[in-house]
Amino acid sequence: ASPPLSLGIGSAAPADGDAGGSAEVRALEAKVATGDARAMIELASIYHRGEVVERDDAKALALFQQAVDDAQSAPGMMWLAYMYENGHGVEKDLQQALRWYEQAATHATGKVKEKSEGKVQALRQELGQ
């Protein structure tokens, strides 16, 4: 399954010897420290994809969860649902994925709302609900 949202992040391959010290990662980490939910999601997606840094789904999951906890971020909810749906950084759990897609549909607008509502319908069908 493809990630839930395109966030406009560069698709740089991990650099040899780069221990997460890229300027982009450092800048995002600084924004995360101030509570910037969008930065949390961007940094989490970099960790999930293994861009610039080594892939770390556990760190990605924690950042997505922080964006939801701190800011009720609908994109963060979509990402959490995606992580649970596909077992990235957590045991695969379609019921949890459905719960997060439902939450995203409640909090989102526009394309995020449309996509989350579509995922709710698809998962309900898959789960026989």
C-alpha atoms as a PDB file:
ATOM      1  CA  ALA A   1       0.000   0.000   0.000  1.00  0.00           C
ATOM      2  CA  SER A   2       1.186   3.491  -0.720  1.00  0.00           C
ATOM      3  CA  PRO A   3       1.656   6.075   2.042  1.00  0.00           C
ATOM      4  CA  PRO A   4      -1.496   8.034   2.854  1.00  0.00           C
ATOM      5  CA  LEU A   5      -0.329  11.502   1.898  1.00  0.00           C
ATOM      6  CA  SER A   6       2.265  13.167  -0.228  1.00  0.00           C
ATOM      7  CA  LEU A   7       3.894  15.844   1.875  1.00  0.00           C
ATOM      8  CA  GLY A   8       6.165  17.344  -0.759  1.00  0.00           C
ATOM      9  CA  ILE A   9       9.321  16.021   0.838  1.00  0.00           C
ATOM     10  CA  GLY A  10      12.400  15.456  -1.252  1.00  0.00           C
ATOM     11  CA  SER A  11      13.215  11.884  -2.138  1.00  0.00           C
ATOM     12  CA  ALA A  12      16.929  11.986  -1.497  1.00  0.00           C
ATOM     13  CA  ALA A  13      18.571   8.621  -1.041  1.00  0.00           C
ATOM     14  CA  PRO A  14      20.374   8.028   2.247  1.00  0.00           C
ATOM     15  CA  ALA A  15      23.850   9.504   2.045  1.00  0.00           C
ATOM     16  CA  ASP A  16      26.821   7.291   2.852  1.00  0.00           C
ATOM     17  CA  GLY A  17      28.107   8.122   6.315  1.00  0.00           C
ATOM     18  CA  ASP A  18      25.250  10.546   7.029  1.00  0.00           C
ATOM     19  CA  ALA A  19      24.182   9.738  10.578  1.00  0.00           C
ATOM     20  CA  GLY A  20      21.003  11.762  10.355  1.00  0.00           C
ATOM     21  CA  GLY A  21      22.918  15.009  10.278  1.00  0.00           C
ATOM     22  CA  SER A  22      21.409  16.520   7.159  1.00  0.00           C
ATOM     23  CA  ALA A  23      20.360  20.148   7.343  1.00  0.00           C
ATOM     24  CA  GLU A  24      16.756  19.205   6.523  1.00  0.00           C
ATOM     25  CA  VAL A  25      16.551  16.714   9.381  1.00  0.00           C
ATOM     26  CA  ARG A  26      18.163  19.126  11.848  1.00  0.00           C
ATOM     27  CA  ALA A  27      15.775  21.901  10.814  1.00  0.00           C
ATOM     28  CA  LEU A  28      12.769  19.601  11.230  1.00  0.00           C
ATOM     29  CA  GLU A  29      14.025  18.372  14.600  1.00  0.00           C
ATOM     30  CA  ALA A  30      14.236  21.992  15.770  1.00  0.00           C
ATOM     31  CA  LYS A  31      10.649  22.610  14.645  1.00  0.00           C
ATOM     32  CA  VAL A  32       9.483  19.384  16.319  1.00  0.00           C
ATOM     33  CA  ALA A  33      11.001  20.644  19.574  1.00  0.00           C
ATOM     34  CA  THR A  34       8.706  23.702  19.354  1.00  0.00           C
ATOM     35  CA  GLY A  35       5.612  21.513  18.893  1.00  0.00           C
ATOM     36  CA  ASP A  36       5.215  21.980  15.116  1.00  0.00           C
ATOM     37  CA  ALA A  37       2.867  19.138  14.106  1.00  0.00           C
ATOM     38  CA  ARG A  38       3.598  19.478  10.382  1.00  0.00           C
ATOM     39  CA  ALA A  39       7.320  19.132  11.103  1.00  0.00           C
ATOM     40  CA  MET A  40       6.583  16.031  13.202  1.00  0.00           C
ATOM     41  CA  ILE A  41       4.763  14.457  10.267  1.00  0.00           C
ATOM     42  CA  GLU A  42       7.428  15.439   7.741  1.00  0.00           C
ATOM     43  CA  LEU A  43      10.238  14.111   9.933  1.00  0.00           C
ATOM     44  CA  ALA A  44       8.284  10.928  10.669  1.00  0.00           C
ATOM     45  CA  SER A  45       7.727  10.294   6.969  1.00  0.00           C
ATOM     46  CA  ILE A  46      11.460  10.771   6.326  1.00  0.00           C
ATOM     47  CA  TYR A  47      12.195   8.127   8.976  1.00  0.00           C
ATOM     48  CA  HIS A  48       9.505   5.833   7.562  1.00  0.00           C
ATOM     49  CA  ARG A  49      10.865   6.074   4.030  1.00  0.00           C
ATOM     50  CA  GLY A  50      14.525   5.981   5.030  1.00  0.00           C
ATOM     51  CA  GLU A  51      15.242   9.271   3.258  1.00  0.00           C
ATOM     52  CA  VAL A  52      18.493  10.923   4.329  1.00  0.00           C
ATOM     53  CA  VAL A  53      18.391   8.841   7.529  1.00  0.00           C
ATOM     54  CA  GLU A  54      18.242   5.115   8.173  1.00  0.00           C
ATOM     55  CA  ARG A  55      14.670   3.814   8.070  1.00  0.00           C
ATOM     56  CA  ASP A  56      13.189   3.707  11.558  1.00  0.00           C
ATOM     57  CA  ASP A  57       9.481   2.884  11.683  1.00  0.00           C
ATOM     58  CA  ALA A  58       9.381   2.938  15.489  1.00  0.00           C
ATOM     59  CA  LYS A  59      10.649   6.537  15.504  1.00  0.00           C
ATOM     60  CA  ALA A  60       8.241   7.413  12.686  1.00  0.00           C
ATOM     61  CA  LEU A  61       5.303   5.917  14.585  1.00  0.00           C
ATOM     62  CA  ALA A  62       6.220   7.864  17.735  1.00  0.00           C
ATOM     63  CA  LEU A  63       6.386  11.147  15.787  1.00  0.00           C
ATOM     64  CA  PHE A  64       3.045  10.518  14.054  1.00  0.00           C
ATOM     65  CA  GLN A  65       1.523   9.743  17.467  1.00  0.00           C
ATOM     66  CA  GLN A  66       3.028  12.947  18.911  1.00  0.00           C
ATOM     67  CA  ALA A  67       1.455  15.007  16.099  1.00  0.00           C
ATOM     68  CA  VAL A  68      -1.929  13.482  16.926  1.00  0.00           C
ATOM     69  CA  ASP A  69      -1.532  13.841  20.691  1.00  0.00           C
ATOM     70  CA  ASP A  70      -0.246  17.422  20.558  1.00  0.00           C
ATOM     71  CA  ALA A  71      -2.310  18.860  17.697  1.00  0.00           C
ATOM     72  CA  GLN A  72      -5.127  16.443  16.766  1.00  0.00           C
ATOM     73  CA  SER A  73      -3.425  16.291  13.366  1.00  0.00           C
ATOM     74  CA  ALA A  74      -5.679  14.618  10.771  1.00  0.00           C
ATOM     75  CA  PRO A  75      -2.685  13.812   8.516  1.00  0.00           C
ATOM     76  CA  GLY A  76      -1.026  12.296  11.591  1.00  0.00           C
ATOM     77  CA  MET A  77      -4.126  10.155  12.126  1.00  0.00           C
ATOM     78  CA  MET A  78      -3.972   9.034   8.489  1.00  0.00           C
ATOM     79  CA  TRP A  79      -0.335   8.050   8.889  1.00  0.00           C
ATOM     80  CA  LEU A  80      -1.058   6.152  12.124  1.00  0.00           C
ATOM     81  CA  ALA A  81      -3.832   4.278  10.340  1.00  0.00           C
ATOM     82  CA  TYR A  82      -1.461   3.466   7.464  1.00  0.00           C
ATOM     83  CA  MET A  83       1.210   2.217   9.888  1.00  0.00           C
ATOM     84  CA  TYR A  84      -1.287  -0.064  11.666  1.00  0.00           C
ATOM     85  CA  GLU A  85      -2.856  -1.217   8.405  1.00  0.00           C
ATOM     86  CA  ASN A  86       0.521  -2.316   7.048  1.00  0.00           C
ATOM     87  CA  GLY A  87       2.364  -3.328  10.218  1.00  0.00           C
ATOM     88  CA  HIS A  88       5.059  -0.651   9.998  1.00  0.00           C
ATOM     89  CA  GLY A  89       6.668  -0.079  13.404  1.00  0.00           C
ATOM     90  CA  VAL A  90       3.780  -1.871  15.073  1.00  0.00           C
ATOM     91  CA  GLU A  91       1.981  -5.194  14.764  1.00  0.00           C
ATOM     92  CA  LYS A  92      -0.520  -5.119  11.905  1.00  0.00           C
ATOM     93  CA  ASP A  93      -3.943  -4.312  13.356  1.00  0.00           C
ATOM     94  CA  LEU A  94      -6.799  -3.556  10.964  1.00  0.00           C
ATOM     95  CA  GLN A  95      -9.169  -2.604  13.783  1.00  0.00           C
ATOM     96  CA  GLN A  96      -6.712   0.053  14.999  1.00  0.00           C
ATOM     97  CA  ALA A  97      -6.191   1.195  11.419  1.00  0.00           C
ATOM     98  CA  LEU A  98      -9.950   1.566  11.010  1.00  0.00           C
ATOM     99  CA  ARG A  99     -10.172   3.538  14.265  1.00  0.00           C
ATOM    100  CA  TRP A 100      -7.492   5.987  13.091  1.00  0.00           C
ATOM    101  CA  TYR A 101      -9.022   6.361   9.622  1.00  0.00           C
ATOM    102  CA  GLU A 102     -12.382   7.105  11.292  1.00  0.00           C
ATOM    103  CA  GLN A 103     -10.727   9.714  13.514  1.00  0.00           C
ATOM    104  CA  ALA A 104      -9.024  11.292  10.489  1.00  0.00           C
ATOM    105  CA  ALA A 105     -12.351  11.437   8.634  1.00  0.00           C
ATOM    106  CA  THR A 106     -13.852  13.278  11.612  1.00  0.00           C
ATOM    107  CA  HIS A 107     -11.038  15.838  11.896  1.00  0.00           C
ATOM    108  CA  ALA A 108     -10.005  16.298   8.257  1.00  0.00           C
ATOM    109  CA  THR A 109     -11.171  18.431   5.366  1.00  0.00           C
ATOM    110  CA  GLY A 110     -10.672  18.277   1.612  1.00  0.00           C
ATOM    111  CA  LYS A 111      -8.589  15.493   0.099  1.00  0.00           C
ATOM    112  CA  VAL A 112      -7.501  14.115   3.479  1.00  0.00           C
ATOM    113  CA  LYS A 113     -11.174  13.713   4.459  1.00  0.00           C
ATOM    114  CA  GLU A 114     -12.031  12.078   1.125  1.00  0.00           C
ATOM    115  CA  LYS A 115      -9.121   9.654   1.321  1.00  0.00           C
ATOM    116  CA  SER A 116      -9.804   8.752   4.953  1.00  0.00           C
ATOM    117  CA  GLU A 117     -13.515   8.168   4.251  1.00  0.00           C
ATOM    118  CA  GLY A 118     -12.574   5.903   1.350  1.00  0.00           C
ATOM    119  CA  LYS A 119     -10.207   3.930   3.572  1.00  0.00           C
ATOM    120  CA  VAL A 120     -12.921   3.617   6.256  1.00  0.00           C
ATOM    121  CA  GLN A 121     -15.311   2.086   3.696  1.00  0.00           C
ATOM    122  CA  ALA A 122     -12.648  -0.263   2.308  1.00  0.00           C
ATOM    123  CA  LEU A 123     -11.535  -1.496   5.727  1.00  0.00           C
ATOM    124  CA  ARG A 124     -15.089  -1.947   6.970  1.00  0.00           C
ATOM    125  CA  GLN A 125     -15.744  -4.091   3.921  1.00  0.00           C
ATOM    126  CA  GLU A 126     -12.541  -6.075   4.464  1.00  0.00           C
ATOM    127  CA  LEU A 127     -13.424  -6.604   8.115  1.00  0.00           C
ATOM    128  CA  GLY A 128     -17.024  -7.521   7.312  1.00  0.00           C
ATOM    129  CA  GLN A 129     -18.500  -4.561   9.187  1.00  0.00           C
END
